[in-house]
C-alpha atoms as a PDB file:
ATOM      1  CA  UNK A   1       7.700 -56.069 -21.195  1.00  0.00           C
ATOM      2  CA  UNK A   2       7.893 -53.927 -17.579  1.00  0.00           C
ATOM      3  CA  UNK A   3       5.886 -51.565 -18.307  1.00  0.00           C
ATOM      4  CA  UNK A   4       4.624 -48.677 -15.037  1.00  0.00           C
ATOM      5  CA  UNK A   5       3.255 -45.626 -15.913  1.00  0.00           C
ATOM      6  CA  UNK A   6       0.639 -42.379 -14.787  1.00  0.00           C
ATOM      7  CA  UNK A   7      -2.797 -41.380 -16.637  1.00  0.00           C
ATOM      8  CA  UNK A   8      -2.499 -38.485 -18.142  1.00  0.00           C
ATOM      9  CA  UNK A   9      -4.529 -34.565 -17.962  1.00  0.00           C
ATOM     10  CA  UNK A  10      -4.533 -34.809 -22.517  1.00  0.00           C
ATOM     11  CA  UNK A  11      -7.531 -37.438 -24.205  1.00  0.00           C
ATOM     12  CA  UNK A  12      -4.958 -40.244 -24.141  1.00  0.00           C
ATOM     13  CA  UNK A  13      -4.233 -42.252 -21.075  1.00  0.00           C
ATOM     14  CA  UNK A  14      -0.297 -42.385 -20.926  1.00  0.00           C
ATOM     15  CA  UNK A  15       2.888 -45.094 -20.854  1.00  0.00           C
ATOM     16  CA  UNK A  16       5.605 -44.821 -19.685  1.00  0.00           C
ATOM     17  CA  UNK A  17       8.603 -47.737 -19.176  1.00  0.00           C
ATOM     18  CA  UNK A  18       8.035 -49.344 -22.280  1.00  0.00           C
ATOM     19  CA  UNK A  19      10.601 -52.153 -22.149  1.00  0.00           C
ATOM     20  CA  UNK A  20      12.667 -54.727 -24.538  1.00  0.00           C
ATOM     21  CA  UNK A  21      11.335 -57.899 -24.101  1.00  0.00           C
ATOM     22  CA  UNK A  22      13.407 -60.748 -25.245  1.00  0.00           C
ATOM     23  CA  UNK A  23      16.400 -58.652 -27.044  1.00  0.00           C
ATOM     24  CA  UNK A  24      13.193 -57.470 -29.242  1.00  0.00           C
ATOM     25  CA  UNK A  25      11.938 -54.014 -29.829  1.00  0.00           C
ATOM     26  CA  UNK A  26       8.309 -53.858 -31.413  1.00  0.00           C
ATOM     27  CA  UNK A  27       8.223 -54.181 -35.541  1.00  0.00           C
ATOM     28  CA  UNK A  28       8.150 -51.432 -37.036  1.00  0.00           C
ATOM     29  CA  UNK A  29     -17.081 -52.136 -34.111  1.00  0.00           C
ATOM     30  CA  UNK A  30     -15.530 -55.913 -34.397  1.00  0.00           C
ATOM     31  CA  UNK A  31     -18.045 -55.651 -37.872  1.00  0.00           C
ATOM     32  CA  UNK A  32     -17.866 -57.460 -41.461  1.00  0.00           C
ATOM     33  CA  UNK A  33     -14.336 -55.402 -42.590  1.00  0.00           C
ATOM     34  CA  UNK A  34     -13.649 -57.395 -45.906  1.00  0.00           C
ATOM     35  CA  UNK A  35     -11.896 -60.651 -46.000  1.00  0.00           C
ATOM     36  CA  UNK A  36      -8.594 -60.912 -45.972  1.00  0.00           C
ATOM     37  CA  UNK A  37      -7.158 -60.132 -49.353  1.00  0.00           C
ATOM     38  CA  UNK A  38      -7.665 -56.987 -48.210  1.00  0.00           C
ATOM     39  CA  UNK A  39      -5.415 -57.123 -45.095  1.00  0.00           C
ATOM     40  CA  UNK A  40      -1.839 -57.452 -45.014  1.00  0.00           C
ATOM     41  CA  UNK A  41      -0.067 -59.400 -42.749  1.00  0.00           C
ATOM     42  CA  UNK A  42       3.387 -60.089 -41.459  1.00  0.00           C
ATOM     43  CA  UNK A  43       4.973 -63.346 -41.547  1.00  0.00           C
ATOM     44  CA  UNK A  44       5.950 -63.873 -38.459  1.00  0.00           C
ATOM     45  CA  UNK A  45       3.617 -62.706 -35.174  1.00  0.00           C
ATOM     46  CA  UNK A  46       3.386 -59.045 -33.741  1.00  0.00           C
ATOM     47  CA  UNK A  47       1.394 -59.028 -30.824  1.00  0.00           C
ATOM     48  CA  UNK A  48       3.639 -61.696 -27.820  1.00  0.00           C
ATOM     49  CA  UNK A  49       2.680 -61.804 -24.803  1.00  0.00           C
ATOM     50  CA  UNK A  50       4.807 -59.706 -21.694  1.00  0.00           C
ATOM     51  CA  UNK A  51       4.822 -62.942 -20.516  1.00  0.00           C
ATOM     52  CA  UNK A  52       4.763 -66.566 -21.897  1.00  0.00           C
ATOM     53  CA  UNK A  53       4.065 -68.134 -18.356  1.00  0.00           C
ATOM     54  CA  UNK A  54       3.344 -71.688 -20.222  1.00  0.00           C
ATOM     55  CA  UNK A  55       5.215 -71.710 -22.476  1.00  0.00           C
ATOM     56  CA  UNK A  56       2.632 -73.077 -25.188  1.00  0.00           C
ATOM     57  CA  UNK A  57       2.512 -69.766 -27.921  1.00  0.00           C
ATOM     58  CA  UNK A  58      -0.749 -68.895 -26.201  1.00  0.00           C
ATOM     59  CA  UNK A  59      -1.858 -65.494 -26.348  1.00  0.00           C
ATOM     60  CA  UNK A  60       0.447 -65.288 -29.266  1.00  0.00           C
ATOM     61  CA  UNK A  61      -0.800 -62.690 -32.064  1.00  0.00           C
ATOM     62  CA  UNK A  62      -0.626 -61.577 -35.949  1.00  0.00           C
ATOM     63  CA  UNK A  63      -2.226 -57.731 -36.204  1.00  0.00           C
ATOM     64  CA  UNK A  64      -3.332 -57.226 -40.088  1.00  0.00           C
ATOM     65  CA  UNK A  65      -3.323 -54.429 -41.095  1.00  0.00           C
ATOM     66  CA  UNK A  66      -5.935 -52.800 -43.891  1.00  0.00           C
ATOM     67  CA  UNK A  67      -4.705 -51.943 -47.217  1.00  0.00           C
ATOM     68  CA  UNK A  68      -7.173 -48.720 -46.890  1.00  0.00           C
ATOM     69  CA  UNK A  69      -7.811 -47.845 -43.540  1.00  0.00           C
ATOM     70  CA  UNK A  70      -5.990 -46.859 -40.488  1.00  0.00           C
ATOM     71  CA  UNK A  71      -9.319 -48.544 -38.183  1.00  0.00           C
ATOM     72  CA  UNK A  72      -9.457 -51.919 -39.089  1.00  0.00           C
ATOM     73  CA  UNK A  73      -7.238 -54.607 -38.119  1.00  0.00           C
ATOM     74  CA  UNK A  74      -7.204 -58.254 -38.254  1.00  0.00           C
ATOM     75  CA  UNK A  75      -6.301 -60.643 -35.670  1.00  0.00           C
ATOM     76  CA  UNK A  76      -5.190 -64.021 -36.111  1.00  0.00           C
ATOM     77  CA  UNK A  77      -3.516 -66.355 -33.171  1.00  0.00           C
ATOM     78  CA  UNK A  78      -4.676 -68.638 -30.080  1.00  0.00           C
ATOM     79  CA  UNK A  79      -5.532 -67.907 -26.453  1.00  0.00           C
ATOM     80  CA  UNK A  80      -4.648 -69.473 -23.922  1.00  0.00           C
ATOM     81  CA  UNK A  81      -8.226 -70.724 -21.979  1.00  0.00           C
ATOM     82  CA  UNK A  82     -11.305 -68.632 -24.270  1.00  0.00           C
ATOM     83  CA  UNK A  83     -11.938 -68.263 -27.554  1.00  0.00           C
ATOM     84  CA  UNK A  84     -13.391 -64.582 -26.890  1.00  0.00           C
ATOM     85  CA  UNK A  85     -10.349 -61.382 -26.671  1.00  0.00           C
ATOM     86  CA  UNK A  86     -10.515 -58.138 -25.804  1.00  0.00           C
ATOM     87  CA  UNK A  87      -8.918 -55.611 -27.639  1.00  0.00           C
ATOM     88  CA  UNK A  88      -7.755 -51.722 -26.570  1.00  0.00           C
ATOM     89  CA  UNK A  89      -5.947 -49.822 -28.815  1.00  0.00           C
ATOM     90  CA  UNK A  90      -2.818 -47.870 -28.215  1.00  0.00           C
ATOM     91  CA  UNK A  91      -1.093 -44.828 -30.415  1.00  0.00           C
ATOM     92  CA  UNK A  92       3.045 -46.035 -29.926  1.00  0.00           C
ATOM     93  CA  UNK A  93       5.213 -43.184 -30.147  1.00  0.00           C
ATOM     94  CA  UNK A  94       8.583 -45.205 -28.967  1.00  0.00           C
ATOM     95  CA  UNK A  95       9.621 -47.822 -25.948  1.00  0.00           C
ATOM     96  CA  UNK A  96       9.378 -45.304 -23.749  1.00  0.00           C
ATOM     97  CA  UNK A  97       5.593 -43.746 -24.950  1.00  0.00           C
ATOM     98  CA  UNK A  98       2.439 -45.547 -25.560  1.00  0.00           C
ATOM     99  CA  UNK A  99      -1.184 -43.741 -25.254  1.00  0.00           C
ATOM    100  CA  UNK A 100      -4.005 -45.797 -24.285  1.00  0.00           C
ATOM    101  CA  UNK A 101      -7.003 -44.521 -26.523  1.00  0.00           C
ATOM    102  CA  UNK A 102     -10.516 -43.489 -23.631  1.00  0.00           C
ATOM    103  CA  UNK A 103     -13.678 -44.343 -23.987  1.00  0.00           C
ATOM    104  CA  UNK A 104     -15.674 -40.892 -24.470  1.00  0.00           C
ATOM    105  CA  UNK A 105     -17.914 -42.660 -21.589  1.00  0.00           C
ATOM    106  CA  UNK A 106     -15.465 -42.300 -19.364  1.00  0.00           C
ATOM    107  CA  UNK A 107     -15.410 -46.082 -18.322  1.00  0.00           C
ATOM    108  CA  UNK A 108     -11.618 -46.205 -19.041  1.00  0.00           C
ATOM    109  CA  UNK A 109      -9.729 -46.933 -21.749  1.00  0.00           C
ATOM    110  CA  UNK A 110     -11.407 -47.915 -25.021  1.00  0.00           C
ATOM    111  CA  UNK A 111     -11.424 -51.668 -26.654  1.00  0.00           C
ATOM    112  CA  UNK A 112     -13.726 -54.115 -27.456  1.00  0.00           C
ATOM    113  CA  UNK A 113     -14.136 -56.995 -26.848  1.00  0.00           C
ATOM    114  CA  UNK A 114     -14.537 -60.187 -29.435  1.00  0.00           C
ATOM    115  CA  UNK A 115     -14.269 -64.464 -30.091  1.00  0.00           C
ATOM    116  CA  UNK A 116     -11.851 -65.176 -31.999  1.00  0.00           C
ATOM    117  CA  UNK A 117     -11.017 -68.403 -34.583  1.00  0.00           C
ATOM    118  CA  UNK A 118      -9.113 -70.088 -36.764  1.00  0.00           C
ATOM    119  CA  UNK A 119      -9.425 -67.860 -39.482  1.00  0.00           C
ATOM    120  CA  UNK A 120      -9.345 -64.851 -36.854  1.00  0.00           C
ATOM    121  CA  UNK A 121     -11.011 -61.688 -36.241  1.00  0.00           C
ATOM    122  CA  UNK A 122     -11.855 -58.386 -37.825  1.00  0.00           C
ATOM    123  CA  UNK A 123     -11.844 -55.334 -35.626  1.00  0.00           C
ATOM    124  CA  UNK A 124     -12.998 -52.297 -36.149  1.00  0.00           C
ATOM    125  CA  UNK A 125     -11.983 -48.754 -33.764  1.00  0.00           C
ATOM    126  CA  UNK A 126     -14.168 -46.049 -36.390  1.00  0.00           C
ATOM    127  CA  UNK A 127     -12.702 -42.731 -36.463  1.00  0.00           C
ATOM    128  CA  UNK A 128      -9.635 -44.010 -33.710  1.00  0.00           C
ATOM    129  CA  UNK A 129      -6.096 -43.900 -34.923  1.00  0.00           C
ATOM    130  CA  UNK A 130      -3.621 -46.988 -33.653  1.00  0.00           C
ATOM    131  CA  UNK A 131      -0.748 -48.198 -34.748  1.00  0.00           C
ATOM    132  CA  UNK A 132      -0.223 -50.693 -31.759  1.00  0.00           C
ATOM    133  CA  UNK A 133      -3.129 -53.165 -29.479  1.00  0.00           C
ATOM    134  CA  UNK A 134      -2.850 -54.485 -26.044  1.00  0.00           C
ATOM    135  CA  UNK A 135      -4.757 -57.981 -25.792  1.00  0.00           C
ATOM    136  CA  UNK A 136      -6.300 -59.986 -22.441  1.00  0.00           C
ATOM    137  CA  UNK A 137      -8.562 -62.721 -23.114  1.00  0.00           C
ATOM    138  CA  UNK A 138     -12.591 -61.951 -21.704  1.00  0.00           C
ATOM    139  CA  UNK A 139     -12.416 -63.209 -18.108  1.00  0.00           C
ATOM    140  CA  UNK A 140      -9.395 -60.617 -17.464  1.00  0.00           C
ATOM    141  CA  UNK A 141     -11.182 -58.499 -18.797  1.00  0.00           C
ATOM    142  CA  UNK A 142     -12.013 -55.835 -15.327  1.00  0.00           C
ATOM    143  CA  UNK A 143      -8.885 -56.731 -14.305  1.00  0.00           C
ATOM    144  CA  UNK A 144      -7.407 -55.311 -17.455  1.00  0.00           C
ATOM    145  CA  UNK A 145     -10.180 -52.205 -17.828  1.00  0.00           C
ATOM    146  CA  UNK A 146      -8.710 -51.167 -14.167  1.00  0.00           C
ATOM    147  CA  UNK A 147      -5.207 -51.787 -13.951  1.00  0.00           C
ATOM    148  CA  UNK A 148      -4.104 -49.387 -17.762  1.00  0.00           C
ATOM    149  CA  UNK A 149      -7.230 -47.057 -16.432  1.00  0.00           C
ATOM    150  CA  UNK A 150      -5.984 -46.545 -12.734  1.00  0.00           C
ATOM    151  CA  UNK A 151      -1.791 -46.792 -13.832  1.00  0.00           C
ATOM    152  CA  UNK A 152      -1.241 -50.057 -11.365  1.00  0.00           C
ATOM    153  CA  UNK A 153       0.552 -51.299 -13.610  1.00  0.00           C
ATOM    154  CA  UNK A 154       1.687 -54.694 -10.808  1.00  0.00           C
ATOM    155  CA  UNK A 155      -1.897 -55.572 -11.139  1.00  0.00           C
ATOM    156  CA  UNK A 156      -2.193 -55.772 -14.481  1.00  0.00           C
ATOM    157  CA  UNK A 157      -2.755 -59.542 -16.123  1.00  0.00           C
ATOM    158  CA  UNK A 158      -1.194 -61.948 -18.565  1.00  0.00           C
ATOM    159  CA  UNK A 159      -0.662 -59.824 -21.892  1.00  0.00           C
ATOM    160  CA  UNK A 160      -0.093 -59.523 -25.242  1.00  0.00           C
ATOM    161  CA  UNK A 161       1.195 -55.702 -26.588  1.00  0.00           C
ATOM    162  CA  UNK A 162       2.597 -55.242 -30.015  1.00  0.00           C
ATOM    163  CA  UNK A 163       3.195 -52.627 -32.814  1.00  0.00           C
ATOM    164  CA  UNK A 164       1.460 -53.414 -35.730  1.00  0.00           C
ATOM    165  CA  UNK A 165       1.852 -50.414 -38.311  1.00  0.00           C
END
């Protein structure tokens, strides 16, 4: 996926230029956010790496939406080198319009880092409306935050992106 954009003066960071990946369009506070029964999971992954550099399926995830809350998701997936991922919520409008959610402290885009296991990880961005996420490993958190906040996507680390609702 090729990304290019600039920051918007509004409450969201604006991203433009989202492209198709592999001929496919994107399908339609880490806490005890319930049990897996509270989530609807797709049958295939919906958060995929921008570029599968290692050709091993790492950084491929499934984001499951909560049945009653627009703020909670359950993520299953495989990382490459770390068991800690950082999740950046976004609002996907179309391939050319994706809005990052700002951290209200002014430190860049909102995100959470948490440990993922074979059972997945529950993610809760309380009172934040989002339908897509970017995911990087913890070691790439600073680089990804700077890349997204500064709009310099040539400097982005390998990341995964996708829409889950």
